[in-house]
């Protein structure tokens, strides 16, 4: 559920984030492993990078970051290199791709159990422990508080409300074939309306003027009135978008300008695992443990706007005040997603864009 940045034009970027001092290097050759991750990983020096540097200082294990594109691209590359991986640990496979990753055999067991202490709601998605849950969040419909305060209608409260003519031409969504939140929103509608009803819902949504964008950035900043866009006070975004609007506000403000329709939220969980065939299994296990440890987990919220799966980690005050974590998020089982993803997207494309 990462607040996504535009994908890098480069297919891969490597950044060394840990190494020994020059004096130590003369006598000790540090172990070096590669963390393969997605294109939302910070591309500048941040506290996340500093946390990895601390890991390197404590363990003598240098960590190189290999940014391998979006989640689908990253997984496709890993599937082609099973047994001879580009790196040692991969982080960023979410529950919409989890079954595919496990079926492709891209992960191998850690030398010792990792993440067993994490909440069962996350670990049960990969009960064999091959994939360890690192973070989670929700994709939800967001709305512009000021726009609805001045309008003659109240904000919608459900997915069904969005096809009401009162909300005609007000919603921005993303293409599930090209966008992670777009796919999550499609899955939310499948969860709500079932295999026999979601197509009729999307036909009605299209006829009610929902506008489709290729990605989140264009829909949120280009169209959503709550973020300075034009014309649309409803957008598919994240439960953590309201605190992001407060944190990055210029000039500073103390109140969120946007809110979340909780009944529309679909839960995303992101996983890490040791890549099958790694030449550094012990070091990889140490890094995997670090990713779910309190030091690294504490950096997730303000860097990627996701929630730590480690429940011992305290959240920033902005998340406590403004973010939304529904008591019961929508979900679709990873195996069902894997079996139907392509067909669902093809059907959606024919209905909505055809």
Protein backbone atom coordinates (compact mmCIF):
# COMPACT_ATOMS: atom_id res chain seq x y z
CA UNK A 1 0.00 0.00 0.00
CA UNK A 2 2.87 2.24 -0.70
CA UNK A 3 2.33 5.88 -1.66
CA UNK A 4 3.73 5.33 -5.14
CA UNK A 5 6.20 7.53 -6.90
CA UNK A 6 6.43 7.52 -10.70
CA UNK A 7 8.32 4.46 -11.88
CA UNK A 8 11.96 5.05 -12.69
CA UNK A 9 12.88 5.06 -16.35
CA UNK A 10 15.72 2.75 -15.55
CA UNK A 11 14.96 -0.94 -15.29
CA UNK A 12 17.40 -1.39 -12.45
CA UNK A 13 19.47 0.79 -10.17
CA UNK A 14 22.06 -0.39 -7.68
CA UNK A 15 22.99 1.61 -4.61
CA UNK A 16 25.50 0.54 -1.98
CA UNK A 17 24.06 1.40 1.43
CA UNK A 18 26.54 -0.30 3.71
CA UNK A 19 30.26 -0.97 3.92
CA UNK A 20 33.14 -1.14 6.36
CA UNK A 21 35.33 1.84 7.09
CA UNK A 22 38.47 2.31 5.01
CA UNK A 23 40.65 1.09 7.87
CA UNK A 24 38.62 -2.08 8.33
CA UNK A 25 38.48 -2.71 4.59
CA UNK A 26 42.23 -3.11 4.51
CA UNK A 27 42.06 -6.19 6.67
CA UNK A 28 38.49 -7.48 6.44
CA UNK A 29 36.53 -8.19 3.29
CA UNK A 30 32.87 -7.59 4.28
CA UNK A 31 30.11 -9.91 3.14
CA UNK A 32 27.88 -8.25 0.55
CA UNK A 33 24.32 -9.21 -0.29
CA UNK A 34 21.70 -7.71 -2.57
CA UNK A 35 18.17 -6.68 -1.60
CA UNK A 36 15.95 -6.78 -4.68
CA UNK A 37 13.01 -4.43 -4.33
CA UNK A 38 10.40 -2.43 -6.22
CA UNK A 39 10.49 1.06 -7.63
CA UNK A 40 8.84 2.68 -4.60
CA UNK A 41 12.03 2.21 -2.60
CA UNK A 42 13.46 5.67 -1.78
CA UNK A 43 15.92 6.78 -4.45
CA UNK A 44 17.66 9.30 -2.18
CA UNK A 45 19.33 9.14 1.22
CA UNK A 46 16.59 8.61 3.82
CA UNK A 47 16.22 7.19 7.30
CA UNK A 48 15.44 3.83 5.68
CA UNK A 49 18.87 3.85 4.06
CA UNK A 50 20.39 4.91 7.37
CA UNK A 51 18.72 1.94 9.07
CA UNK A 52 20.29 -0.40 6.53
CA UNK A 53 23.65 1.26 7.10
CA UNK A 54 23.24 0.57 10.82
CA UNK A 55 22.54 -3.09 9.99
CA UNK A 56 25.76 -3.18 7.96
CA UNK A 57 27.77 -1.58 10.75
CA UNK A 58 26.45 -4.06 13.31
CA UNK A 59 26.82 -7.20 11.21
CA UNK A 60 29.60 -6.47 8.73
CA UNK A 61 27.16 -7.31 5.92
CA UNK A 62 27.05 -4.70 3.15
CA UNK A 63 23.64 -4.33 1.51
CA UNK A 64 23.22 -3.36 -2.11
CA UNK A 65 19.80 -2.27 -3.35
CA UNK A 66 18.65 -3.53 -6.75
CA UNK A 67 15.49 -1.74 -7.91
CA UNK A 68 13.83 -4.11 -10.35
CA UNK A 69 10.76 -2.18 -11.52
CA UNK A 70 7.18 -2.52 -10.33
CA UNK A 71 5.99 -5.62 -8.49
CA UNK A 72 4.91 -7.51 -11.59
CA UNK A 73 8.16 -6.79 -13.43
CA UNK A 74 10.23 -7.70 -10.40
CA UNK A 75 8.42 -11.01 -10.02
CA UNK A 76 8.72 -11.86 -13.71
CA UNK A 77 12.49 -11.36 -13.57
CA UNK A 78 12.75 -13.50 -10.45
CA UNK A 79 10.74 -16.29 -12.06
CA UNK A 80 13.18 -16.37 -14.98
CA UNK A 81 16.21 -16.62 -12.68
CA UNK A 82 15.04 -19.16 -10.08
CA UNK A 83 18.12 -20.93 -8.72
CA UNK A 84 20.43 -18.27 -10.12
CA UNK A 85 18.94 -15.08 -8.65
CA UNK A 86 19.97 -11.49 -9.25
CA UNK A 87 20.05 -10.96 -5.49
CA UNK A 88 19.65 -12.61 -2.12
CA UNK A 89 16.48 -11.20 -0.56
CA UNK A 90 13.40 -9.82 -2.33
CA UNK A 91 10.96 -7.38 -0.74
CA UNK A 92 7.77 -6.01 -2.32
CA UNK A 93 5.71 -9.00 -3.44
CA UNK A 94 2.19 -8.21 -2.26
CA UNK A 95 -0.78 -10.49 -1.65
CA UNK A 96 -2.07 -9.96 -5.20
CA UNK A 97 1.08 -11.68 -6.53
CA UNK A 98 1.97 -13.91 -3.57
CA UNK A 99 0.62 -17.22 -4.88
CA UNK A 100 2.38 -16.72 -8.19
CA UNK A 101 5.66 -16.07 -6.40
CA UNK A 102 5.30 -19.18 -4.24
CA UNK A 103 4.21 -21.35 -7.18
CA UNK A 104 7.19 -20.16 -9.23
CA UNK A 105 9.51 -21.29 -6.42
CA UNK A 106 11.39 -18.00 -6.18
CA UNK A 107 11.88 -18.26 -2.39
CA UNK A 108 13.76 -20.79 -0.29
CA UNK A 109 13.40 -21.46 3.47
CA UNK A 110 15.46 -19.36 5.83
CA UNK A 111 18.14 -21.12 7.83
CA UNK A 112 16.01 -20.40 10.91
CA UNK A 113 12.38 -19.29 11.29
CA UNK A 114 11.80 -15.60 10.66
CA UNK A 115 8.66 -13.65 11.52
CA UNK A 116 6.90 -16.29 13.59
CA UNK A 117 6.11 -13.63 16.20
CA UNK A 118 4.23 -11.44 13.70
CA UNK A 119 0.41 -11.30 13.83
CA UNK A 120 -1.32 -14.43 12.42
CA UNK A 121 -3.54 -12.29 10.19
CA UNK A 122 -0.41 -11.68 8.09
CA UNK A 123 1.63 -14.87 8.53
CA UNK A 124 -1.30 -17.13 7.62
CA UNK A 125 -1.08 -15.84 4.05
CA UNK A 126 2.20 -17.77 3.71
CA UNK A 127 1.90 -20.49 6.36
CA UNK A 128 5.09 -22.25 5.25
CA UNK A 129 7.05 -19.13 6.18
CA UNK A 130 8.72 -18.77 2.78
CA UNK A 131 7.36 -15.24 2.46
CA UNK A 132 7.55 -13.01 5.54
CA UNK A 133 5.06 -10.11 5.86
CA UNK A 134 6.92 -6.79 6.18
CA UNK A 135 4.24 -4.11 5.80
CA UNK A 136 0.57 -3.58 5.07
CA UNK A 137 -1.91 -0.89 4.10
CA UNK A 138 -5.27 -0.33 2.45
CA UNK A 139 -6.38 0.92 -0.95
CA UNK A 140 -9.55 2.96 -0.46
CA UNK A 141 -11.70 5.57 -2.13
CA UNK A 142 -10.67 8.99 -0.78
CA UNK A 143 -12.78 12.14 -0.92
CA UNK A 144 -12.21 15.89 -0.77
CA UNK A 145 -13.66 17.21 2.50
CA UNK A 146 -13.93 20.82 1.35
CA UNK A 147 -15.59 19.95 -1.95
CA UNK A 148 -18.35 17.95 -0.27
CA UNK A 149 -18.74 20.56 2.47
CA UNK A 150 -19.70 23.06 -0.24
CA UNK A 151 -21.76 20.63 -2.33
CA UNK A 152 -25.42 19.72 -2.12
CA UNK A 153 -24.61 16.04 -1.61
CA UNK A 154 -22.93 14.14 1.18
CA UNK A 155 -19.87 11.95 0.53
CA UNK A 156 -20.64 8.39 -0.56
CA UNK A 157 -20.35 5.71 2.10
CA UNK A 158 -20.20 2.51 0.01
CA UNK A 159 -19.18 1.05 -3.31
CA UNK A 160 -22.83 0.95 -4.32
CA UNK A 161 -23.15 4.69 -3.77
CA UNK A 162 -20.56 5.33 -6.46
CA UNK A 163 -22.94 4.29 -9.23
CA UNK A 164 -25.66 6.66 -7.99
CA UNK A 165 -26.26 9.42 -10.56
CA UNK A 166 -25.65 11.93 -7.76
CA UNK A 167 -21.94 11.05 -8.07
CA UNK A 168 -21.79 11.16 -11.85
CA UNK A 169 -18.39 12.25 -13.25
CA UNK A 170 -16.87 12.60 -9.77
CA UNK A 171 -14.67 9.46 -9.45
CA UNK A 172 -11.11 8.86 -10.66
CA UNK A 173 -9.87 5.25 -10.77
CA UNK A 174 -6.77 3.49 -12.12
CA UNK A 175 -6.36 0.81 -14.73
CA UNK A 176 -5.84 -2.56 -12.96
CA UNK A 177 -3.58 -3.71 -15.78
CA UNK A 178 -1.09 -0.91 -15.10
CA UNK A 179 -1.66 0.16 -11.50
CA UNK A 180 -1.37 -1.60 -8.14
CA UNK A 181 -4.16 0.46 -6.49
CA UNK A 182 -6.22 -0.03 -9.65
CA UNK A 183 -5.97 -3.79 -9.26
CA UNK A 184 -6.73 -3.56 -5.55
CA UNK A 185 -9.89 -1.54 -6.25
CA UNK A 186 -11.01 -4.06 -8.87
CA UNK A 187 -10.52 -6.81 -6.27
CA UNK A 188 -12.57 -4.81 -3.75
CA UNK A 189 -15.47 -4.77 -6.20
CA UNK A 190 -15.10 -8.50 -6.85
CA UNK A 191 -15.16 -9.10 -3.09
CA UNK A 192 -18.33 -6.98 -2.78
CA UNK A 193 -20.32 -8.09 -5.82
CA UNK A 194 -18.95 -11.59 -6.51
CA UNK A 195 -18.13 -13.37 -9.74
CA UNK A 196 -21.64 -12.83 -11.09
CA UNK A 197 -22.03 -9.17 -10.21
CA UNK A 198 -18.80 -7.23 -10.52
CA UNK A 199 -19.05 -6.88 -14.31
CA UNK A 200 -22.49 -5.22 -14.05
CA UNK A 201 -21.11 -2.93 -11.34
CA UNK A 202 -18.22 -1.77 -13.53
CA UNK A 203 -20.55 -1.22 -16.47
CA UNK A 204 -22.66 1.01 -14.23
CA UNK A 205 -19.54 2.75 -12.89
CA UNK A 206 -18.35 3.46 -16.43
CA UNK A 207 -21.79 4.74 -17.41
CA UNK A 208 -21.75 6.99 -14.35
CA UNK A 209 -18.68 8.75 -15.65
CA UNK A 210 -15.80 7.18 -13.69
CA UNK A 211 -12.55 8.25 -15.36
CA UNK A 212 -9.71 5.76 -15.75
CA UNK A 213 -6.03 6.71 -15.45
CA UNK A 214 -2.99 4.55 -16.08
CA UNK A 215 -1.42 5.29 -12.70
CA UNK A 216 -1.99 6.69 -9.22
CA UNK A 217 0.11 9.85 -9.62
CA UNK A 218 -1.82 11.10 -12.62
CA UNK A 219 -5.20 10.35 -11.06
CA UNK A 220 -4.37 11.79 -7.63
CA UNK A 221 -2.42 14.93 -8.47
CA UNK A 222 -3.89 15.55 -11.91
CA UNK A 223 -7.57 14.92 -11.27
CA UNK A 224 -8.37 14.74 -7.55
CA UNK A 225 -9.53 18.12 -6.24
CA UNK A 226 -8.31 17.27 -2.73
CA UNK A 227 -4.70 17.26 -3.98
CA UNK A 228 -4.94 20.25 -6.28
CA UNK A 229 -6.22 18.37 -9.32
CA UNK A 230 -9.17 19.38 -11.45
CA UNK A 231 -12.71 18.16 -11.46
CA UNK A 232 -12.95 14.98 -9.39
CA UNK A 233 -13.49 14.97 -5.60
CA UNK A 234 -13.37 11.15 -5.39
CA UNK A 235 -10.28 9.05 -6.15
CA UNK A 236 -8.97 5.56 -5.54
CA UNK A 237 -5.98 6.06 -3.25
CA UNK A 238 -4.79 4.87 0.16
CA UNK A 239 -5.90 4.85 3.78
CA UNK A 240 -2.62 6.64 4.52
CA UNK A 241 -3.19 9.45 2.01
CA UNK A 242 -4.71 11.88 4.59
CA UNK A 243 -1.60 11.91 6.85
CA UNK A 244 0.60 12.24 3.77
CA UNK A 245 -1.31 15.38 2.82
CA UNK A 246 -0.64 16.80 6.30
CA UNK A 247 3.04 15.82 6.45
CA UNK A 248 3.93 17.21 3.01
CA UNK A 249 1.69 20.28 3.17
CA UNK A 250 3.19 23.64 2.13
CA UNK A 251 2.42 25.75 4.02
CA UNK A 252 2.09 23.48 7.03
CA UNK A 253 -1.35 22.58 8.35
CA UNK A 254 -2.73 20.56 11.22
CA UNK A 255 -5.86 19.11 9.62
CA UNK A 256 -6.28 16.65 6.77
CA UNK A 257 -8.07 17.92 3.69
CA UNK A 258 -9.14 14.46 2.59
CA UNK A 259 -10.93 11.49 4.14
CA UNK A 260 -11.46 7.80 3.44
CA UNK A 261 -14.54 5.69 2.73
CA UNK A 262 -13.73 2.75 4.98
CA UNK A 263 -16.15 0.27 3.42
CA UNK A 264 -14.24 0.48 0.12
CA UNK A 265 -10.82 -0.45 1.53
CA UNK A 266 -8.89 -3.45 0.22
CA UNK A 267 -5.97 -4.74 2.30
CA UNK A 268 -2.53 -5.02 0.72
CA UNK A 269 0.27 -6.92 2.48
CA UNK A 270 3.85 -6.85 1.20
CA UNK A 271 6.29 -9.71 1.77
CA UNK A 272 10.00 -10.44 1.69
CA UNK A 273 11.78 -13.74 1.23
CA UNK A 274 15.16 -15.32 0.57
CA UNK A 275 15.68 -15.88 -3.14
CA UNK A 276 16.19 -19.53 -4.08
CA UNK A 277 19.78 -20.24 -4.94
CA UNK A 278 21.34 -17.42 -2.95
CA UNK A 279 25.04 -17.86 -2.29
CA UNK A 280 24.64 -16.11 1.07
CA UNK A 281 21.83 -17.90 2.94
CA UNK A 282 23.02 -16.99 6.45
CA UNK A 283 23.50 -13.31 5.65
CA UNK A 284 20.17 -13.27 3.80
CA UNK A 285 18.42 -14.67 6.89
CA UNK A 286 19.97 -11.92 9.01
CA UNK A 287 18.71 -9.25 6.61
CA UNK A 288 15.24 -10.80 6.54
CA UNK A 289 15.14 -10.71 10.34
CA UNK A 290 16.22 -7.08 10.24
CA UNK A 291 13.40 -6.13 7.83
CA UNK A 292 10.80 -7.22 10.42
CA UNK A 293 12.76 -5.94 13.41
CA UNK A 294 11.80 -2.76 15.24
CA UNK A 295 14.66 -0.60 13.88
CA UNK A 296 13.68 -0.97 10.23
CA UNK A 297 9.95 -1.30 10.82
CA UNK A 298 9.91 2.07 12.57
CA UNK A 299 11.01 3.72 9.31
CA UNK A 300 8.24 2.36 7.08
CA UNK A 301 5.39 4.74 7.89
CA UNK A 302 7.08 8.05 7.09
CA UNK A 303 9.12 6.72 4.15
CA UNK A 304 6.64 4.51 2.29
CA UNK A 305 3.37 5.41 4.05
CA UNK A 306 2.65 1.81 4.94
CA UNK A 307 2.15 0.17 8.31
CA UNK A 308 4.69 -2.07 10.06
CA UNK A 309 3.61 -5.67 10.57
CA UNK A 310 5.62 -5.70 13.80
CA UNK A 311 2.99 -4.65 16.35
CA UNK A 312 5.66 -3.52 18.83
CA UNK A 313 6.47 -0.52 16.64
CA UNK A 314 4.83 2.80 17.52
CA UNK A 315 3.22 4.81 14.74
CA UNK A 316 3.94 8.46 13.99
CA UNK A 317 1.34 10.82 15.50
CA UNK A 318 0.13 11.86 12.05
CA UNK A 319 -0.87 8.27 11.33
CA UNK A 320 -2.67 8.01 14.66
CA UNK A 321 -4.55 11.26 13.99
CA UNK A 322 -5.39 11.02 10.30
CA UNK A 323 -4.84 7.58 8.75
CA UNK A 324 -7.54 4.94 8.44
CA UNK A 325 -7.11 1.25 9.24
CA UNK A 326 -10.53 -0.38 8.83
CA UNK A 327 -11.60 -2.93 11.42
CA UNK A 328 -12.42 -5.29 8.55
CA UNK A 329 -10.73 -4.64 5.21
CA UNK A 330 -11.79 -6.34 2.02
CA UNK A 331 -9.69 -9.23 0.81
CA UNK A 332 -9.50 -11.92 -1.86
CA UNK A 333 -7.39 -15.04 -1.25
CA UNK A 334 -3.97 -15.08 -2.96
CA UNK A 335 -4.66 -18.38 -4.72
CA UNK A 336 -7.97 -17.12 -6.10
CA UNK A 337 -6.26 -13.97 -7.32
CA UNK A 338 -3.50 -15.96 -9.00
CA UNK A 339 -6.00 -18.24 -10.75
CA UNK A 340 -8.18 -15.41 -12.06
CA UNK A 341 -6.05 -12.24 -12.28
CA UNK A 342 -5.47 -12.32 -16.03
CA UNK A 343 -9.08 -13.17 -16.87
CA UNK A 344 -10.43 -10.51 -14.51
CA UNK A 345 -8.18 -7.84 -16.01
CA UNK A 346 -9.02 -8.87 -19.58
CA UNK A 347 -12.74 -8.79 -18.79
CA UNK A 348 -12.40 -5.41 -17.08
CA UNK A 349 -10.49 -4.00 -20.06
CA UNK A 350 -13.19 -5.16 -22.47
CA UNK A 351 -15.98 -3.76 -20.32
CA UNK A 352 -14.48 -0.42 -19.35
CA UNK A 353 -12.05 0.49 -22.11
CA UNK A 354 -13.36 -1.57 -25.02
